[in-house]
Amino acid sequence: MKGVSYLTDEVGQKKAVVIDLELLKHRENLADILEDIEDAVAIETRKDEESVD
């Protein structure tokens, strides 16, 4: 998402989120940003799980 960046550690693991404050001027953008962050966290926590066929 434009205006949202992730800080990673030495091995590429996402450790922090940087949000451009200009995006927060519009309340609808905040909901989108939070949803994207939740999705990224869910993906990261499930990346080692087996897939369901």
Protein backbone atom coordinates (compact mmCIF):
# COMPACT_ATOMS: atom_id res chain seq x y z
CA MET A 1 0.00 0.00 0.00
CA LYS A 2 1.31 3.43 -0.87
CA GLY A 3 2.61 5.28 2.18
CA VAL A 4 3.14 2.16 4.28
CA SER A 5 6.62 0.69 4.67
CA TYR A 6 8.04 -2.12 6.75
CA LEU A 7 11.33 -2.15 8.62
CA THR A 8 13.05 -5.49 8.53
CA ASP A 9 15.86 -7.14 10.46
CA GLU A 10 19.06 -8.61 9.03
CA VAL A 11 17.28 -11.73 7.74
CA GLY A 12 14.32 -9.90 6.20
CA GLN A 13 11.77 -10.43 8.97
CA LYS A 14 9.30 -7.54 9.24
CA LYS A 15 9.78 -5.85 12.60
CA ALA A 16 8.04 -2.46 12.38
CA VAL A 17 5.61 -0.47 10.26
CA VAL A 18 6.16 3.10 9.10
CA ILE A 19 2.99 4.96 8.12
CA ASP A 20 3.07 8.24 6.20
CA LEU A 21 1.07 10.60 8.40
CA GLU A 22 -0.45 12.24 5.33
CA LEU A 23 -2.53 9.07 4.89
CA LEU A 24 -4.16 9.59 8.27
CA LYS A 25 -5.83 12.83 7.20
CA HIS A 26 -8.65 10.77 5.71
CA ARG A 27 -10.37 8.43 8.13
CA GLU A 28 -11.21 5.84 5.45
CA ASN A 29 -7.49 5.43 4.76
CA LEU A 30 -6.86 4.55 8.41
CA ALA A 31 -9.19 1.57 8.21
CA ASP A 32 -7.44 0.37 5.04
CA ILE A 33 -4.02 0.77 6.66
CA LEU A 34 -5.03 -1.14 9.78
CA GLU A 35 -6.52 -3.93 7.67
CA ASP A 36 -3.31 -4.20 5.64
CA ILE A 37 -1.25 -4.37 8.83
CA GLU A 38 -3.51 -7.08 10.27
CA ASP A 39 -3.18 -9.06 7.03
CA ALA A 40 0.60 -8.76 7.08
CA VAL A 41 0.74 -9.96 10.69
CA ALA A 42 -1.53 -12.91 9.89
CA ILE A 43 0.60 -13.89 6.90
CA GLU A 44 3.80 -13.62 8.90
CA THR A 45 2.51 -15.72 11.79
CA ARG A 46 1.14 -18.44 9.47
CA LYS A 47 4.00 -18.65 6.97
CA ASP A 48 5.39 -21.88 8.46
CA GLU A 49 2.02 -23.65 8.73
CA GLU A 50 1.14 -26.43 6.33
CA SER A 51 -1.30 -25.50 3.61
CA VAL A 52 -4.76 -27.04 3.47
CA ASP A 53 -5.63 -28.66 0.15
